[in-house]
PDB file of N, CA and C in Angstrom:
ATOM      1  N   UNK A   1     119.250 228.740  54.694  1.00  0.00           N
ATOM      2  CA  UNK A   1     119.338 227.345  55.080  1.00  0.00           C
ATOM      3  C   UNK A   1     118.297 227.066  56.158  1.00  0.00           C
ATOM      4  N   UNK A   2     117.582 225.975  56.000  1.00  0.00           N
ATOM      5  CA  UNK A   2     116.569 225.606  56.981  1.00  0.00           C
ATOM      6  C   UNK A   2     117.233 225.131  58.268  1.00  0.00           C
ATOM      7  N   UNK A   3     116.633 225.467  59.382  1.00  0.00           N
ATOM      8  CA  UNK A   3     117.190 225.090  60.669  1.00  0.00           C
ATOM      9  C   UNK A   3     117.090 223.615  60.991  1.00  0.00           C
ATOM     10  N   UNK A   4     116.234 222.870  60.269  1.00  0.00           N
ATOM     11  CA  UNK A   4     116.042 221.457  60.587  1.00  0.00           C
ATOM     12  C   UNK A   4     116.969 220.523  59.807  1.00  0.00           C
ATOM     13  N   UNK A   5     117.863 221.087  59.035  1.00  0.00           N
ATOM     14  CA  UNK A   5     118.791 220.250  58.277  1.00  0.00           C
ATOM     15  C   UNK A   5     119.937 219.821  59.184  1.00  0.00           C
ATOM     16  N   UNK A   6     120.129 218.525  59.302  1.00  0.00           N
ATOM     17  CA  UNK A   6     121.108 218.012  60.253  1.00  0.00           C
ATOM     18  C   UNK A   6     122.509 217.875  59.697  1.00  0.00           C
ATOM     19  N   UNK A   7     122.676 217.891  58.378  1.00  0.00           N
ATOM     20  CA  UNK A   7     123.981 217.600  57.804  1.00  0.00           C
ATOM     21  C   UNK A   7     124.903 218.785  57.756  1.00  0.00           C
ATOM     22  N   UNK A   8     124.426 219.989  57.535  1.00  0.00           N
ATOM     23  CA  UNK A   8     125.241 221.196  57.649  1.00  0.00           C
ATOM     24  C   UNK A   8     126.268 221.467  56.566  1.00  0.00           C
ATOM     25  N   UNK A   9     126.842 220.440  55.952  1.00  0.00           N
ATOM     26  CA  UNK A   9     127.851 220.623  54.905  1.00  0.00           C
ATOM     27  C   UNK A   9     127.527 219.689  53.740  1.00  0.00           C
ATOM     28  N   UNK A  10     128.126 219.946  52.603  1.00  0.00           N
ATOM     29  CA  UNK A  10     127.929 219.052  51.459  1.00  0.00           C
ATOM     30  C   UNK A  10     128.479 217.654  51.764  1.00  0.00           C
ATOM     31  N   UNK A  11     129.685 217.521  52.334  1.00  0.00           N
ATOM     32  CA  UNK A  11     130.133 216.170  52.710  1.00  0.00           C
ATOM     33  C   UNK A  11     129.188 215.509  53.718  1.00  0.00           C
ATOM     34  N   UNK A  12     128.636 216.291  54.627  1.00  0.00           N
ATOM     35  CA  UNK A  12     127.667 215.750  55.577  1.00  0.00           C
ATOM     36  C   UNK A  12     126.404 215.269  54.884  1.00  0.00           C
ATOM     37  N   UNK A  13     125.981 215.997  53.867  1.00  0.00           N
ATOM     38  CA  UNK A  13     124.821 215.592  53.076  1.00  0.00           C
ATOM     39  C   UNK A  13     125.097 214.264  52.373  1.00  0.00           C
ATOM     40  N   UNK A  14     126.293 214.108  51.821  1.00  0.00           N
ATOM     41  CA  UNK A  14     126.645 212.849  51.160  1.00  0.00           C
ATOM     42  C   UNK A  14     126.608 211.691  52.155  1.00  0.00           C
ATOM     43  N   UNK A  15     127.161 211.887  53.342  1.00  0.00           N
ATOM     44  CA  UNK A  15     127.128 210.835  54.363  1.00  0.00           C
ATOM     45  C   UNK A  15     125.692 210.464  54.712  1.00  0.00           C
ATOM     46  N   UNK A  16     124.849 211.477  54.884  1.00  0.00           N
ATOM     47  CA  UNK A  16     123.447 211.240  55.206  1.00  0.00           C
ATOM     48  C   UNK A  16     122.746 210.484  54.080  1.00  0.00           C
ATOM     49  N   UNK A  17     123.002 210.888  52.842  1.00  0.00           N
ATOM     50  CA  UNK A  17     122.383 210.222  51.693  1.00  0.00           C
ATOM     51  C   UNK A  17     122.866 208.779  51.573  1.00  0.00           C
ATOM     52  N   UNK A  18     124.150 208.540  51.841  1.00  0.00           N
ATOM     53  CA  UNK A  18     124.688 207.178  51.769  1.00  0.00           C
ATOM     54  C   UNK A  18     124.044 206.289  52.827  1.00  0.00           C
ATOM     55  N   UNK A  19     123.817 206.843  54.008  1.00  0.00           N
ATOM     56  CA  UNK A  19     123.152 206.079  55.068  1.00  0.00           C
ATOM     57  C   UNK A  19     121.704 205.782  54.687  1.00  0.00           C
ATOM     58  N   UNK A  20     121.048 206.754  54.112  1.00  0.00           N
ATOM     59  CA  UNK A  20     119.621 206.634  53.806  1.00  0.00           C
ATOM     60  C   UNK A  20     119.351 205.829  52.533  1.00  0.00           C
ATOM     61  N   UNK A  21     120.172 206.040  51.502  1.00  0.00           N
ATOM     62  CA  UNK A  21     119.892 205.468  50.186  1.00  0.00           C
ATOM     63  C   UNK A  21     120.962 204.493  49.701  1.00  0.00           C
ATOM     64  N   UNK A  22     121.874 204.075  50.567  1.00  0.00           N
ATOM     65  CA  UNK A  22     123.029 203.235  50.254  1.00  0.00           C
ATOM     66  C   UNK A  22     123.092 202.537  48.912  1.00  0.00           C
ATOM     67  N   UNK A  23     122.254 201.521  48.647  1.00  0.00           N
ATOM     68  CA  UNK A  23     122.383 200.755  47.407  1.00  0.00           C
ATOM     69  C   UNK A  23     121.705 201.385  46.183  1.00  0.00           C
ATOM     70  N   UNK A  24     121.038 202.489  46.369  1.00  0.00           N
ATOM     71  CA  UNK A  24     120.376 203.148  45.229  1.00  0.00           C
ATOM     72  C   UNK A  24     121.385 203.935  44.405  1.00  0.00           C
ATOM     73  N   UNK A  25     121.027 204.167  43.157  1.00  0.00           N
ATOM     74  CA  UNK A  25     121.921 204.901  42.263  1.00  0.00           C
ATOM     75  C   UNK A  25     121.974 206.380  42.622  1.00  0.00           C
ATOM     76  N   UNK A  26     123.191 206.875  42.758  1.00  0.00           N
ATOM     77  CA  UNK A  26     123.418 208.300  43.018  1.00  0.00           C
ATOM     78  C   UNK A  26     123.843 209.009  41.741  1.00  0.00           C
ATOM     79  N   UNK A  27     124.634 208.322  40.918  1.00  0.00           N
ATOM     80  CA  UNK A  27     125.183 208.912  39.694  1.00  0.00           C
ATOM     81  C   UNK A  27     125.015 207.906  38.560  1.00  0.00           C
ATOM     82  N   UNK A  28     124.502 208.404  37.439  1.00  0.00           N
ATOM     83  CA  UNK A  28     124.436 207.613  36.213  1.00  0.00           C
ATOM     84  C   UNK A  28     125.156 208.412  35.143  1.00  0.00           C
ATOM     85  N   UNK A  29     126.216 207.829  34.597  1.00  0.00           N
ATOM     86  CA  UNK A  29     127.038 208.488  33.578  1.00  0.00           C
ATOM     87  C   UNK A  29     127.250 207.480  32.454  1.00  0.00           C
ATOM     88  N   UNK A  30     126.362 207.509  31.475  1.00  0.00           N
ATOM     89  CA  UNK A  30     126.424 206.514  30.411  1.00  0.00           C
ATOM     90  C   UNK A  30     126.199 205.128  30.990  1.00  0.00           C
ATOM     91  N   UNK A  31     127.159 204.245  30.793  1.00  0.00           N
ATOM     92  CA  UNK A  31     127.062 202.881  31.319  1.00  0.00           C
ATOM     93  C   UNK A  31     127.495 202.792  32.784  1.00  0.00           C
ATOM     94  N   UNK A  32     128.105 203.839  33.292  1.00  0.00           N
ATOM     95  CA  UNK A  32     128.595 203.839  34.672  1.00  0.00           C
ATOM     96  C   UNK A  32     127.465 204.198  35.629  1.00  0.00           C
ATOM     97  N   UNK A  33     127.281 203.366  36.623  1.00  0.00           N
ATOM     98  CA  UNK A  33     126.262 203.604  37.647  1.00  0.00           C
ATOM     99  C   UNK A  33     126.942 203.474  39.008  1.00  0.00           C
ATOM    100  N   UNK A  34     126.749 204.489  39.835  1.00  0.00           N
ATOM    101  CA  UNK A  34     127.408 204.522  41.143  1.00  0.00           C
ATOM    102  C   UNK A  34     126.339 204.668  42.215  1.00  0.00           C
ATOM    103  N   UNK A  35     126.383 203.781  43.196  1.00  0.00           N
ATOM    104  CA  UNK A  35     125.435 203.873  44.305  1.00  0.00           C
ATOM    105  C   UNK A  35     125.884 204.963  45.279  1.00  0.00           C
ATOM    106  N   UNK A  36     124.979 205.346  46.148  1.00  0.00           N
ATOM    107  CA  UNK A  36     125.328 206.347  47.151  1.00  0.00           C
ATOM    108  C   UNK A  36     126.470 205.857  48.031  1.00  0.00           C
ATOM    109  N   UNK A  37     126.434 204.585  48.412  1.00  0.00           N
ATOM    110  CA  UNK A  37     127.498 204.052  49.268  1.00  0.00           C
ATOM    111  C   UNK A  37     128.830 204.025  48.528  1.00  0.00           C
ATOM    112  N   UNK A  38     128.833 203.596  47.279  1.00  0.00           N
ATOM    113  CA  UNK A  38     130.080 203.564  46.514  1.00  0.00           C
ATOM    114  C   UNK A  38     130.599 204.981  46.283  1.00  0.00           C
ATOM    115  N   UNK A  39     129.687 205.919  46.056  1.00  0.00           N
ATOM    116  CA  UNK A  39     130.097 207.313  45.880  1.00  0.00           C
ATOM    117  C   UNK A  39     130.789 207.819  47.141  1.00  0.00           C
ATOM    118  N   UNK A  40     130.216 207.509  48.298  1.00  0.00           N
ATOM    119  CA  UNK A  40     130.841 207.942  49.556  1.00  0.00           C
ATOM    120  C   UNK A  40     132.244 207.352  49.701  1.00  0.00           C
ATOM    121  N   UNK A  41     132.411 206.086  49.373  1.00  0.00           N
ATOM    122  CA  UNK A  41     133.728 205.444  49.455  1.00  0.00           C
ATOM    123  C   UNK A  41     134.713 206.118  48.502  1.00  0.00           C
ATOM    124  N   UNK A  42     134.291 206.354  47.261  1.00  0.00           N
ATOM    125  CA  UNK A  42     135.167 206.989  46.263  1.00  0.00           C
ATOM    126  C   UNK A  42     135.535 208.409  46.674  1.00  0.00           C
ATOM    127  N   UNK A  43     134.575 209.136  47.224  1.00  0.00           N
ATOM    128  CA  UNK A  43     134.830 210.515  47.666  1.00  0.00           C
ATOM    129  C   UNK A  43     135.820 210.522  48.826  1.00  0.00           C
ATOM    130  N   UNK A  44     135.659 209.619  49.754  1.00  0.00           N
ATOM    131  CA  UNK A  44     136.603 209.550  50.881  1.00  0.00           C
ATOM    132  C   UNK A  44     138.009 209.211  50.395  1.00  0.00           C
ATOM    133  N   UNK A  45     138.098 208.350  49.407  1.00  0.00           N
ATOM    134  CA  UNK A  45     139.401 208.004  48.823  1.00  0.00           C
ATOM    135  C   UNK A  45     140.039 209.247  48.192  1.00  0.00           C
ATOM    136  N   UNK A  46     139.255 210.002  47.425  1.00  0.00           N
ATOM    137  CA  UNK A  46     139.765 211.229  46.800  1.00  0.00           C
ATOM    138  C   UNK A  46     140.172 212.248  47.864  1.00  0.00           C
ATOM    139  N   UNK A  47     139.386 212.354  48.927  1.00  0.00           N
ATOM    140  CA  UNK A  47     139.710 213.292  50.009  1.00  0.00           C
ATOM    141  C   UNK A  47     141.008 212.892  50.700  1.00  0.00           C
ATOM    142  N   UNK A  48     141.181 211.601  50.965  1.00  0.00           N
ATOM    143  CA  UNK A  48     142.424 211.134  51.596  1.00  0.00           C
ATOM    144  C   UNK A  48     143.626 211.423  50.705  1.00  0.00           C
ATOM    145  N   UNK A  49     143.458 211.247  49.398  1.00  0.00           N
ATOM    146  CA  UNK A  49     144.551 211.539  48.463  1.00  0.00           C
ATOM    147  C   UNK A  49     144.898 213.022  48.500  1.00  0.00           C
ATOM    148  N   UNK A  50     143.885 213.885  48.511  1.00  0.00           N
ATOM    149  CA  UNK A  50     144.130 215.331  48.563  1.00  0.00           C
ATOM    150  C   UNK A  50     144.845 215.712  49.854  1.00  0.00           C
ATOM    151  N   UNK A  51     144.406 215.150  50.958  1.00  0.00           N
ATOM    152  CA  UNK A  51     145.028 215.446  52.252  1.00  0.00           C
ATOM    153  C   UNK A  51     146.468 214.937  52.276  1.00  0.00           C
ATOM    154  N   UNK A  52     146.701 213.755  51.710  1.00  0.00           N
ATOM    155  CA  UNK A  52     148.060 213.193  51.670  1.00  0.00           C
ATOM    156  C   UNK A  52     149.006 214.079  50.869  1.00  0.00           C
ATOM    157  N   UNK A  53     148.476 214.759  49.862  1.00  0.00           N
ATOM    158  CA  UNK A  53     149.289 215.669  49.048  1.00  0.00           C
ATOM    159  C   UNK A  53     149.552 216.973  49.791  1.00  0.00           C
ATOM    160  N   UNK A  54     148.751 217.238  50.817  1.00  0.00           N
ATOM    161  CA  UNK A  54     148.976 218.443  51.605  1.00  0.00           C
ATOM    162  C   UNK A  54     147.843 219.445  51.598  1.00  0.00           C
ATOM    163  N   UNK A  55     146.694 219.095  51.022  1.00  0.00           N
ATOM    164  CA  UNK A  55     145.552 220.010  51.022  1.00  0.00           C
ATOM    165  C   UNK A  55     145.042 220.165  52.450  1.00  0.00           C
ATOM    166  N   UNK A  56     144.867 221.416  52.844  1.00  0.00           N
ATOM    167  CA  UNK A  56     144.346 221.748  54.165  1.00  0.00           C
ATOM    168  C   UNK A  56     143.087 222.583  54.002  1.00  0.00           C
ATOM    169  N   UNK A  57     142.352 222.745  55.087  1.00  0.00           N
ATOM    170  CA  UNK A  57     141.115 223.524  55.058  1.00  0.00           C
ATOM    171  C   UNK A  57     141.373 224.904  54.459  1.00  0.00           C
ATOM    172  N   UNK A  58     140.553 225.264  53.487  1.00  0.00           N
ATOM    173  CA  UNK A  58     140.668 226.567  52.850  1.00  0.00           C
ATOM    174  C   UNK A  58     141.555 226.607  51.619  1.00  0.00           C
ATOM    175  N   UNK A  59     142.348 225.559  51.396  1.00  0.00           N
ATOM    176  CA  UNK A  59     143.183 225.509  50.189  1.00  0.00           C
ATOM    177  C   UNK A  59     142.297 225.352  48.960  1.00  0.00           C
ATOM    178  N   UNK A  60     142.723 225.949  47.872  1.00  0.00           N
ATOM    179  CA  UNK A  60     141.984 225.824  46.625  1.00  0.00           C
ATOM    180  C   UNK A  60     142.411 224.556  45.891  1.00  0.00           C
ATOM    181  N   UNK A  61     141.386 223.858  45.381  1.00  0.00           N
ATOM    182  CA  UNK A  61     141.592 222.622  44.634  1.00  0.00           C
ATOM    183  C   UNK A  61     140.881 222.780  43.293  1.00  0.00           C
ATOM    184  N   UNK A  62     141.647 222.699  42.212  1.00  0.00           N
ATOM    185  CA  UNK A  62     141.094 222.895  40.875  1.00  0.00           C
ATOM    186  C   UNK A  62     140.711 221.569  40.232  1.00  0.00           C
ATOM    187  N   UNK A  63     139.700 221.645  39.369  1.00  0.00           N
ATOM    188  CA  UNK A  63     139.299 220.496  38.555  1.00  0.00           C
ATOM    189  C   UNK A  63     139.214 220.978  37.114  1.00  0.00           C
ATOM    190  N   UNK A  64     139.954 220.303  36.254  1.00  0.00           N
ATOM    191  CA  UNK A  64     139.951 220.603  34.821  1.00  0.00           C
ATOM    192  C   UNK A  64     139.596 219.308  34.111  1.00  0.00           C
ATOM    193  N   UNK A  65     138.312 219.057  34.020  1.00  0.00           N
ATOM    194  CA  UNK A  65     137.835 217.792  33.474  1.00  0.00           C
ATOM    195  C   UNK A  65     136.414 217.976  32.944  1.00  0.00           C
ATOM    196  N   UNK A  66     136.000 217.111  32.025  1.00  0.00           N
ATOM    197  CA  UNK A  66     134.631 217.185  31.517  1.00  0.00           C
ATOM    198  C   UNK A  66     133.626 216.750  32.581  1.00  0.00           C
ATOM    199  N   UNK A  67     132.361 216.973  32.299  1.00  0.00           N
ATOM    200  CA  UNK A  67     131.288 216.621  33.230  1.00  0.00           C
ATOM    201  C   UNK A  67     131.016 215.117  33.183  1.00  0.00           C
ATOM    202  N   UNK A  68     131.834 214.374  33.905  1.00  0.00           N
ATOM    203  CA  UNK A  68     131.696 212.926  34.004  1.00  0.00           C
ATOM    204  C   UNK A  68     131.713 212.551  35.483  1.00  0.00           C
ATOM    205  N   UNK A  69     131.461 211.282  35.765  1.00  0.00           N
ATOM    206  CA  UNK A  69     131.342 210.874  37.164  1.00  0.00           C
ATOM    207  C   UNK A  69     132.605 211.151  37.976  1.00  0.00           C
ATOM    208  N   UNK A  70     133.776 211.084  37.360  1.00  0.00           N
ATOM    209  CA  UNK A  70     135.005 211.387  38.099  1.00  0.00           C
ATOM    210  C   UNK A  70     135.045 212.841  38.564  1.00  0.00           C
ATOM    211  N   UNK A  71     134.409 213.732  37.821  1.00  0.00           N
ATOM    212  CA  UNK A  71     134.341 215.137  38.229  1.00  0.00           C
ATOM    213  C   UNK A  71     133.591 215.242  39.553  1.00  0.00           C
ATOM    214  N   UNK A  72     132.493 214.519  39.657  1.00  0.00           N
ATOM    215  CA  UNK A  72     131.691 214.542  40.883  1.00  0.00           C
ATOM    216  C   UNK A  72     132.521 214.029  42.056  1.00  0.00           C
ATOM    217  N   UNK A  73     133.221 212.926  41.852  1.00  0.00           N
ATOM    218  CA  UNK A  73     134.060 212.351  42.917  1.00  0.00           C
ATOM    219  C   UNK A  73     135.158 213.332  43.312  1.00  0.00           C
ATOM    220  N   UNK A  74     135.821 213.932  42.336  1.00  0.00           N
ATOM    221  CA  UNK A  74     136.901 214.884  42.629  1.00  0.00           C
ATOM    222  C   UNK A  74     136.368 216.102  43.372  1.00  0.00           C
ATOM    223  N   UNK A  75     135.247 216.641  42.918  1.00  0.00           N
ATOM    224  CA  UNK A  75     134.682 217.834  43.555  1.00  0.00           C
ATOM    225  C   UNK A  75     134.279 217.548  44.996  1.00  0.00           C
ATOM    226  N   UNK A  76     133.569 216.456  45.209  1.00  0.00           N
ATOM    227  CA  UNK A  76     133.155 216.117  46.571  1.00  0.00           C
ATOM    228  C   UNK A  76     134.349 215.727  47.433  1.00  0.00           C
ATOM    229  N   UNK A  77     135.348 215.100  46.834  1.00  0.00           N
ATOM    230  CA  UNK A  77     136.573 214.781  47.571  1.00  0.00           C
ATOM    231  C   UNK A  77     137.300 216.033  48.007  1.00  0.00           C
ATOM    232  N   UNK A  78     137.372 217.017  47.117  1.00  0.00           N
ATOM    233  CA  UNK A  78     138.018 218.289  47.460  1.00  0.00           C
ATOM    234  C   UNK A  78     137.298 218.960  48.619  1.00  0.00           C
ATOM    235  N   UNK A  79     135.967 218.982  48.563  1.00  0.00           N
ATOM    236  CA  UNK A  79     135.193 219.597  49.643  1.00  0.00           C
ATOM    237  C   UNK A  79     135.345 218.819  50.947  1.00  0.00           C
ATOM    238  N   UNK A  80     135.356 217.498  50.852  1.00  0.00           N
ATOM    239  CA  UNK A  80     135.511 216.667  52.048  1.00  0.00           C
ATOM    240  C   UNK A  80     136.870 216.891  52.701  1.00  0.00           C
ATOM    241  N   UNK A  81     137.883 217.162  51.899  1.00  0.00           N
ATOM    242  CA  UNK A  81     139.225 217.454  52.422  1.00  0.00           C
ATOM    243  C   UNK A  81     139.319 218.868  52.988  1.00  0.00           C
ATOM    244  N   UNK A  82     138.261 219.653  52.823  1.00  0.00           N
ATOM    245  CA  UNK A  82     138.273 221.028  53.330  1.00  0.00           C
ATOM    246  C   UNK A  82     138.653 222.054  52.287  1.00  0.00           C
ATOM    247  N   UNK A  83     138.843 221.602  51.059  1.00  0.00           N
ATOM    248  CA  UNK A  83     139.260 222.503  49.993  1.00  0.00           C
ATOM    249  C   UNK A  83     138.138 223.376  49.464  1.00  0.00           C
ATOM    250  N   UNK A  84     138.543 224.402  48.750  1.00  0.00           N
ATOM    251  CA  UNK A  84     137.627 225.301  48.057  1.00  0.00           C
ATOM    252  C   UNK A  84     137.733 224.959  46.575  1.00  0.00           C
ATOM    253  N   UNK A  85     136.616 224.656  45.961  1.00  0.00           N
ATOM    254  CA  UNK A  85     136.602 224.183  44.583  1.00  0.00           C
ATOM    255  C   UNK A  85     136.870 225.302  43.582  1.00  0.00           C
ATOM    256  N   UNK A  86     137.777 225.027  42.633  1.00  0.00           N
ATOM    257  CA  UNK A  86     138.087 225.940  41.529  1.00  0.00           C
ATOM    258  C   UNK A  86     137.856 225.164  40.232  1.00  0.00           C
ATOM    259  N   UNK A  87     136.634 225.228  39.671  1.00  0.00           N
ATOM    260  CA  UNK A  87     136.401 224.530  38.407  1.00  0.00           C
ATOM    261  C   UNK A  87     137.020 225.305  37.249  1.00  0.00           C
ATOM    262  N   UNK A  88     137.673 224.591  36.340  1.00  0.00           N
ATOM    263  CA  UNK A  88     138.295 225.216  35.174  1.00  0.00           C
ATOM    264  C   UNK A  88     137.550 224.749  33.926  1.00  0.00           C
ATOM    265  N   UNK A  89     137.166 225.701  33.112  1.00  0.00           N
ATOM    266  CA  UNK A  89     136.435 225.420  31.883  1.00  0.00           C
ATOM    267  C   UNK A  89     137.239 224.471  30.995  1.00  0.00           C
ATOM    268  N   UNK A  90     136.604 223.403  30.545  1.00  0.00           N
ATOM    269  CA  UNK A  90     137.302 222.421  29.711  1.00  0.00           C
ATOM    270  C   UNK A  90     137.634 222.960  28.321  1.00  0.00           C
ATOM    271  N   UNK A  91     137.064 224.073  27.957  1.00  0.00           N
ATOM    272  CA  UNK A  91     137.399 224.688  26.664  1.00  0.00           C
ATOM    273  C   UNK A  91     138.692 225.496  26.731  1.00  0.00           C
ATOM    274  N   UNK A  92     139.170 225.736  27.936  1.00  0.00           N
ATOM    275  CA  UNK A  92     140.414 226.492  28.079  1.00  0.00           C
ATOM    276  C   UNK A  92     141.586 225.689  27.537  1.00  0.00           C
ATOM    277  N   UNK A  93     142.516 226.389  26.944  1.00  0.00           N
ATOM    278  CA  UNK A  93     143.785 225.808  26.513  1.00  0.00           C
ATOM    279  C   UNK A  93     144.749 225.860  27.701  1.00  0.00           C
ATOM    280  N   UNK A  94     145.906 225.265  27.549  1.00  0.00           N
ATOM    281  CA  UNK A  94     146.879 225.192  28.636  1.00  0.00           C
ATOM    282  C   UNK A  94     147.212 226.522  29.271  1.00  0.00           C
ATOM    283  N   UNK A  95     147.451 227.527  28.455  1.00  0.00           N
ATOM    284  CA  UNK A  95     147.824 228.844  28.977  1.00  0.00           C
ATOM    285  C   UNK A  95     146.684 229.453  29.804  1.00  0.00           C
ATOM    286  N   UNK A  96     145.444 229.302  29.316  1.00  0.00           N
ATOM    287  CA  UNK A  96     144.290 229.850  30.034  1.00  0.00           C
ATOM    288  C   UNK A  96     144.080 229.121  31.362  1.00  0.00           C
ATOM    289  N   UNK A  97     144.178 227.809  31.326  1.00  0.00           N
ATOM    290  CA  UNK A  97     144.041 227.032  32.557  1.00  0.00           C
ATOM    291  C   UNK A  97     145.160 227.383  33.530  1.00  0.00           C
ATOM    292  N   UNK A  98     146.362 227.552  33.009  1.00  0.00           N
ATOM    293  CA  UNK A  98     147.494 227.945  33.849  1.00  0.00           C
ATOM    294  C   UNK A  98     147.262 229.273  34.533  1.00  0.00           C
ATOM    295  N   UNK A  99     146.642 230.205  33.827  1.00  0.00           N
ATOM    296  CA  UNK A  99     146.322 231.509  34.404  1.00  0.00           C
ATOM    297  C   UNK A  99     145.374 231.346  35.591  1.00  0.00           C
ATOM    298  N   UNK A 100     144.326 230.530  35.413  1.00  0.00           N
ATOM    299  CA  UNK A 100     143.370 230.291  36.501  1.00  0.00           C
ATOM    300  C   UNK A 100     144.075 229.640  37.685  1.00  0.00           C
ATOM    301  N   UNK A 101     144.915 228.657  37.408  1.00  0.00           N
ATOM    302  CA  UNK A 101     145.644 227.979  38.482  1.00  0.00           C
ATOM    303  C   UNK A 101     146.540 228.951  39.238  1.00  0.00           C
ATOM    304  N   UNK A 102     147.238 229.792  38.494  1.00  0.00           N
ATOM    305  CA  UNK A 102     148.162 230.745  39.121  1.00  0.00           C
ATOM    306  C   UNK A 102     147.394 231.781  39.942  1.00  0.00           C
ATOM    307  N   UNK A 103     146.343 232.343  39.370  1.00  0.00           N
ATOM    308  CA  UNK A 103     145.577 233.385  40.065  1.00  0.00           C
ATOM    309  C   UNK A 103     144.826 232.843  41.273  1.00  0.00           C
ATOM    310  N   UNK A 104     144.347 231.605  41.177  1.00  0.00           N
ATOM    311  CA  UNK A 104     143.585 231.032  42.284  1.00  0.00           C
ATOM    312  C   UNK A 104     144.488 230.527  43.399  1.00  0.00           C
ATOM    313  N   UNK A 105     145.740 230.246  43.064  1.00  0.00           N
ATOM    314  CA  UNK A 105     146.640 229.674  44.059  1.00  0.00           C
ATOM    315  C   UNK A 105     146.308 228.225  44.375  1.00  0.00           C
ATOM    316  N   UNK A 106     145.726 227.521  43.415  1.00  0.00           N
ATOM    317  CA  UNK A 106     145.329 226.127  43.640  1.00  0.00           C
ATOM    318  C   UNK A 106     146.520 225.283  44.082  1.00  0.00           C
ATOM    319  N   UNK A 107     146.283 224.493  45.106  1.00  0.00           N
ATOM    320  CA  UNK A 107     147.322 223.614  45.638  1.00  0.00           C
ATOM    321  C   UNK A 107     147.323 222.258  44.931  1.00  0.00           C
ATOM    322  N   UNK A 108     146.197 221.924  44.307  1.00  0.00           N
ATOM    323  CA  UNK A 108     146.039 220.621  43.669  1.00  0.00           C
ATOM    324  C   UNK A 108     145.164 220.785  42.439  1.00  0.00           C
ATOM    325  N   UNK A 109     145.468 220.006  41.409  1.00  0.00           N
ATOM    326  CA  UNK A 109     144.654 219.983  40.194  1.00  0.00           C
ATOM    327  C   UNK A 109     144.222 218.554  39.918  1.00  0.00           C
ATOM    328  N   UNK A 110     142.906 218.333  39.884  1.00  0.00           N
ATOM    329  CA  UNK A 110     142.352 217.059  39.425  1.00  0.00           C
ATOM    330  C   UNK A 110     142.095 217.187  37.933  1.00  0.00           C
ATOM    331  N   UNK A 111     142.501 216.182  37.157  1.00  0.00           N
ATOM    332  CA  UNK A 111     142.229 216.179  35.713  1.00  0.00           C
ATOM    333  C   UNK A 111     141.516 214.898  35.338  1.00  0.00           C
TER     334      UNK A 111
END
């Protein structure tokens, strides 16, 4: 990591990008377009939801969803809440996903 980077964390990078690029597009997913500022708002909302459920720093947070804009919001929300991301392959069936959830000790699952 370069010493001149001021943000230090992925959530910090998002805040910096939202300040710098606010109205510009951060995510394009088909017809869905999300600006950096809107992404920051959505991520904070997801983080608050995770914290309200009881996610604390270091808790594992799983995501079992396809690669769409909601995945980005959930992942960044989990990190902003202090969680450790546990991505689950979307090709997994229920039993396989359950195994990952059980072994990882995930406290929350975004779908």
